[in-house]
């Protein structure tokens, strides 16, 4: 436990940030996983709905600095390409 007041404040801030970052990354992973489940199940409707939820979250994570902007673009590109490769239900 730090003794100096500024170090105590820095520790509190670090803990808040760590929890916020962890929650954001967890949400991001969950939404990406939902898209991948739809892709693996060859369920285009579910995959498209999940992708529509995931894209803004990925963008938000990139703008907040949780992930790099190029990583966000890579996630979106790969997921979209995989979703559109699923044949349309007839």
N, C-alpha and C. Protein backbone atom coordinates (compact mmCIF):
# COMPACT_ATOMS: atom_id res chain seq x y z
N UNK A 1 0.85 -1.19 0.00
CA UNK A 1 0.00 0.00 0.00
C UNK A 1 0.88 1.24 0.00
N UNK A 2 0.68 2.13 -0.95
CA UNK A 2 1.51 3.33 -0.99
C UNK A 2 1.23 4.26 0.19
N UNK A 3 2.27 4.98 0.57
CA UNK A 3 2.14 5.92 1.68
C UNK A 3 1.86 7.32 1.16
N UNK A 4 2.50 7.68 0.07
CA UNK A 4 2.36 9.03 -0.49
C UNK A 4 0.96 9.19 -1.09
N UNK A 5 0.37 10.35 -0.83
CA UNK A 5 -1.01 10.62 -1.22
C UNK A 5 -1.23 10.51 -2.73
N UNK A 6 -0.30 11.04 -3.51
CA UNK A 6 -0.46 10.99 -4.97
C UNK A 6 -0.35 9.55 -5.48
N UNK A 7 0.47 8.75 -4.82
CA UNK A 7 0.60 7.34 -5.21
C UNK A 7 -0.69 6.57 -4.89
N UNK A 8 -1.33 6.94 -3.77
CA UNK A 8 -2.61 6.31 -3.41
C UNK A 8 -3.67 6.64 -4.46
N UNK A 9 -3.69 7.90 -4.89
CA UNK A 9 -4.66 8.32 -5.90
C UNK A 9 -4.38 7.60 -7.22
N UNK A 10 -3.12 7.51 -7.58
CA UNK A 10 -2.76 6.82 -8.83
C UNK A 10 -3.20 5.36 -8.78
N UNK A 11 -3.06 4.73 -7.63
CA UNK A 11 -3.48 3.33 -7.47
C UNK A 11 -4.99 3.20 -7.65
N UNK A 12 -5.75 4.14 -7.07
CA UNK A 12 -7.21 4.10 -7.23
C UNK A 12 -7.59 4.29 -8.69
N UNK A 13 -6.95 5.23 -9.36
CA UNK A 13 -7.24 5.48 -10.77
C UNK A 13 -6.90 4.26 -11.63
N UNK A 14 -5.77 3.65 -11.34
CA UNK A 14 -5.33 2.47 -12.10
C UNK A 14 -6.33 1.33 -11.95
N UNK A 15 -6.83 1.17 -10.74
CA UNK A 15 -7.79 0.09 -10.51
C UNK A 15 -9.09 0.35 -11.26
N UNK A 16 -9.57 1.58 -11.24
CA UNK A 16 -10.79 1.93 -11.99
C UNK A 16 -10.61 1.66 -13.48
N UNK A 17 -9.47 2.12 -14.00
CA UNK A 17 -9.19 1.94 -15.43
C UNK A 17 -9.07 0.47 -15.79
N UNK A 18 -8.41 -0.30 -14.91
CA UNK A 18 -8.25 -1.73 -15.17
C UNK A 18 -9.60 -2.42 -15.26
N UNK A 19 -10.49 -2.10 -14.34
CA UNK A 19 -11.82 -2.71 -14.34
C UNK A 19 -12.63 -2.28 -15.57
N UNK A 20 -12.52 -1.01 -15.94
CA UNK A 20 -13.23 -0.50 -17.11
C UNK A 20 -12.71 -1.17 -18.38
N UNK A 21 -11.39 -1.27 -18.49
CA UNK A 21 -10.79 -1.91 -19.66
C UNK A 21 -11.18 -3.38 -19.74
N UNK A 22 -11.17 -4.05 -18.60
CA UNK A 22 -11.51 -5.46 -18.57
C UNK A 22 -12.95 -5.70 -19.00
N UNK A 23 -13.85 -4.86 -18.53
CA UNK A 23 -15.27 -5.00 -18.90
C UNK A 23 -15.46 -4.74 -20.39
N UNK A 24 -14.79 -3.73 -20.92
CA UNK A 24 -14.93 -3.40 -22.34
C UNK A 24 -14.38 -4.52 -23.21
N UNK A 25 -13.24 -5.07 -22.84
CA UNK A 25 -12.65 -6.15 -23.63
C UNK A 25 -13.50 -7.41 -23.55
N UNK A 26 -14.09 -7.65 -22.40
CA UNK A 26 -14.96 -8.81 -22.24
C UNK A 26 -16.20 -8.68 -23.12
N UNK A 27 -16.80 -7.51 -23.13
CA UNK A 27 -17.97 -7.26 -23.98
C UNK A 27 -17.62 -7.44 -25.45
N UNK A 28 -16.47 -6.91 -25.83
CA UNK A 28 -16.00 -7.01 -27.21
C UNK A 28 -15.83 -8.48 -27.62
N UNK A 29 -15.17 -9.24 -26.76
CA UNK A 29 -14.94 -10.66 -27.05
C UNK A 29 -16.25 -11.43 -27.16
N UNK A 30 -17.21 -11.11 -26.29
CA UNK A 30 -18.50 -11.79 -26.30
C UNK A 30 -19.24 -11.53 -27.61
N UNK A 31 -19.26 -10.28 -28.06
CA UNK A 31 -19.97 -9.94 -29.29
C UNK A 31 -19.30 -10.58 -30.51
N UNK A 32 -17.98 -10.60 -30.53
CA UNK A 32 -17.27 -11.25 -31.63
C UNK A 32 -17.55 -12.74 -31.63
N UNK A 33 -17.61 -13.32 -30.44
CA UNK A 33 -17.89 -14.75 -30.32
C UNK A 33 -19.29 -15.08 -30.84
N UNK A 34 -20.27 -14.20 -30.59
CA UNK A 34 -21.63 -14.42 -31.09
C UNK A 34 -21.66 -14.46 -32.62
N UNK A 35 -20.88 -13.58 -33.24
CA UNK A 35 -20.80 -13.56 -34.70
C UNK A 35 -20.19 -14.88 -35.18
N UNK A 36 -19.11 -15.30 -34.54
CA UNK A 36 -18.43 -16.53 -34.95
C UNK A 36 -19.31 -17.76 -34.76
N UNK A 37 -20.13 -17.77 -33.72
CA UNK A 37 -21.06 -18.89 -33.50
C UNK A 37 -22.06 -18.96 -34.64
N UNK A 38 -22.58 -17.80 -35.07
CA UNK A 38 -23.50 -17.76 -36.20
C UNK A 38 -22.83 -18.22 -37.49
N UNK A 39 -21.57 -17.87 -37.66
CA UNK A 39 -20.82 -18.27 -38.86
C UNK A 39 -20.61 -19.78 -38.86
N UNK A 40 -20.19 -20.32 -37.73
CA UNK A 40 -19.93 -21.76 -37.63
C UNK A 40 -21.21 -22.58 -37.77
N UNK A 41 -22.32 -22.01 -37.32
CA UNK A 41 -23.60 -22.70 -37.44
C UNK A 41 -24.27 -22.49 -38.79
N UNK A 42 -23.61 -21.77 -39.68
CA UNK A 42 -24.14 -21.46 -41.02
C UNK A 42 -25.51 -20.79 -40.93
N UNK A 43 -25.70 -19.99 -39.88
CA UNK A 43 -26.94 -19.25 -39.68
C UNK A 43 -26.69 -17.79 -40.06
N UNK A 44 -26.96 -17.47 -41.31
CA UNK A 44 -26.62 -16.13 -41.82
C UNK A 44 -27.40 -15.03 -41.10
N UNK A 45 -28.67 -15.26 -40.82
CA UNK A 45 -29.48 -14.23 -40.16
C UNK A 45 -28.91 -13.88 -38.78
N UNK A 46 -28.61 -14.92 -38.00
CA UNK A 46 -28.06 -14.69 -36.66
C UNK A 46 -26.69 -14.02 -36.73
N UNK A 47 -25.89 -14.46 -37.69
CA UNK A 47 -24.55 -13.89 -37.84
C UNK A 47 -24.61 -12.42 -38.25
N UNK A 48 -25.55 -12.07 -39.14
CA UNK A 48 -25.70 -10.68 -39.57
C UNK A 48 -26.19 -9.79 -38.43
N UNK A 49 -27.14 -10.30 -37.64
CA UNK A 49 -27.63 -9.53 -36.49
C UNK A 49 -26.51 -9.30 -35.48
N UNK A 50 -25.75 -10.35 -35.23
CA UNK A 50 -24.64 -10.23 -34.28
C UNK A 50 -23.57 -9.28 -34.81
N UNK A 51 -23.34 -9.31 -36.12
CA UNK A 51 -22.35 -8.42 -36.73
C UNK A 51 -22.79 -6.96 -36.60
N UNK A 52 -24.10 -6.71 -36.79
CA UNK A 52 -24.61 -5.34 -36.65
C UNK A 52 -24.45 -4.82 -35.22
N UNK A 53 -24.46 -5.71 -34.25
CA UNK A 53 -24.22 -5.31 -32.86
C UNK A 53 -22.73 -5.13 -32.60
N UNK A 54 -21.92 -5.99 -33.21
CA UNK A 54 -20.49 -6.01 -32.92
C UNK A 54 -19.75 -4.82 -33.53
N UNK A 55 -20.13 -4.40 -34.73
CA UNK A 55 -19.38 -3.36 -35.44
C UNK A 55 -19.30 -2.04 -34.64
N UNK A 56 -20.42 -1.50 -34.14
CA UNK A 56 -20.29 -0.26 -33.37
C UNK A 56 -19.46 -0.43 -32.09
N UNK A 57 -19.56 -1.60 -31.49
CA UNK A 57 -18.79 -1.86 -30.28
C UNK A 57 -17.30 -1.91 -30.59
N UNK A 58 -16.96 -2.53 -31.72
CA UNK A 58 -15.56 -2.58 -32.14
C UNK A 58 -15.05 -1.16 -32.42
N UNK A 59 -15.86 -0.36 -33.11
CA UNK A 59 -15.48 1.03 -33.39
C UNK A 59 -15.28 1.82 -32.10
N UNK A 60 -16.19 1.64 -31.16
CA UNK A 60 -16.10 2.34 -29.89
C UNK A 60 -14.84 1.94 -29.13
N UNK A 61 -14.54 0.64 -29.15
CA UNK A 61 -13.33 0.16 -28.47
C UNK A 61 -12.09 0.76 -29.08
N UNK A 62 -12.08 0.93 -30.40
CA UNK A 62 -10.93 1.52 -31.07
C UNK A 62 -10.81 3.01 -30.74
N UNK A 63 -11.95 3.70 -30.69
CA UNK A 63 -11.90 5.13 -30.42
C UNK A 63 -11.49 5.42 -28.97
N UNK A 64 -11.82 4.51 -28.06
CA UNK A 64 -11.46 4.68 -26.65
C UNK A 64 -10.04 4.19 -26.36
N UNK A 65 -9.46 3.47 -27.33
CA UNK A 65 -8.08 3.01 -27.14
C UNK A 65 -7.96 1.63 -26.53
N UNK A 66 -9.05 0.89 -26.42
CA UNK A 66 -8.97 -0.47 -25.88
C UNK A 66 -8.25 -1.39 -26.85
N UNK A 67 -8.50 -1.15 -28.14
CA UNK A 67 -7.79 -1.88 -29.19
C UNK A 67 -7.30 -0.87 -30.22
N UNK A 68 -6.33 -1.26 -31.00
CA UNK A 68 -5.77 -0.38 -32.02
C UNK A 68 -6.78 -0.24 -33.17
N UNK A 69 -6.75 0.89 -33.85
CA UNK A 69 -7.71 1.13 -34.93
C UNK A 69 -7.53 0.13 -36.07
N UNK A 70 -6.30 -0.29 -36.34
CA UNK A 70 -6.07 -1.29 -37.39
C UNK A 70 -6.60 -2.66 -36.97
N UNK A 71 -6.49 -2.97 -35.69
CA UNK A 71 -7.04 -4.24 -35.19
C UNK A 71 -8.56 -4.23 -35.34
N UNK A 72 -9.19 -3.09 -35.06
CA UNK A 72 -10.63 -2.95 -35.21
C UNK A 72 -11.04 -3.16 -36.67
N UNK A 73 -10.30 -2.55 -37.57
CA UNK A 73 -10.59 -2.70 -39.00
C UNK A 73 -10.43 -4.15 -39.43
N UNK A 74 -9.41 -4.80 -38.90
CA UNK A 74 -9.16 -6.21 -39.23
C UNK A 74 -10.30 -7.10 -38.74
N UNK A 75 -10.75 -6.89 -37.50
CA UNK A 75 -11.88 -7.66 -36.96
C UNK A 75 -13.11 -7.50 -37.83
N UNK A 76 -13.45 -6.25 -38.12
CA UNK A 76 -14.66 -5.96 -38.90
C UNK A 76 -14.58 -6.58 -40.29
N UNK A 77 -13.45 -6.44 -40.93
CA UNK A 77 -13.27 -6.94 -42.28
C UNK A 77 -13.40 -8.45 -42.34
N UNK A 78 -12.72 -9.12 -41.43
CA UNK A 78 -12.73 -10.59 -41.44
C UNK A 78 -14.12 -11.14 -41.10
N UNK A 79 -14.76 -10.53 -40.10
CA UNK A 79 -16.09 -11.01 -39.72
C UNK A 79 -17.09 -10.78 -40.85
N UNK A 80 -17.05 -9.60 -41.46
CA UNK A 80 -17.99 -9.30 -42.54
C UNK A 80 -17.77 -10.24 -43.72
N UNK A 81 -16.52 -10.50 -44.05
CA UNK A 81 -16.21 -11.39 -45.18
C UNK A 81 -16.73 -12.81 -44.90
N UNK A 82 -16.57 -13.27 -43.66
CA UNK A 82 -17.04 -14.61 -43.31
C UNK A 82 -18.56 -14.69 -43.30
N UNK A 83 -19.21 -13.64 -42.81
CA UNK A 83 -20.69 -13.63 -42.77
C UNK A 83 -21.24 -13.65 -44.20
N UNK A 84 -20.65 -12.84 -45.08
CA UNK A 84 -21.17 -12.76 -46.45
C UNK A 84 -20.84 -14.00 -47.28
N UNK A 85 -19.93 -14.84 -46.77
CA UNK A 85 -19.60 -16.08 -47.49
C UNK A 85 -20.64 -17.17 -47.20
N UNK A 86 -21.46 -16.97 -46.18
CA UNK A 86 -22.51 -17.95 -45.86
C UNK A 86 -23.59 -17.82 -46.91
N UNK A 87 -24.02 -18.95 -47.50
CA UNK A 87 -25.07 -18.86 -48.53
C UNK A 87 -26.41 -18.39 -47.94
N UNK A 88 -27.17 -17.67 -48.76
CA UNK A 88 -28.48 -17.17 -48.35
C UNK A 88 -29.44 -18.34 -48.14
N UNK A 89 -30.25 -18.29 -47.07
CA UNK A 89 -31.26 -19.33 -46.90
C UNK A 89 -32.36 -19.18 -47.96
N UNK A 90 -32.77 -20.31 -48.52
CA UNK A 90 -33.78 -20.21 -49.58
C UNK A 90 -35.14 -20.68 -49.14
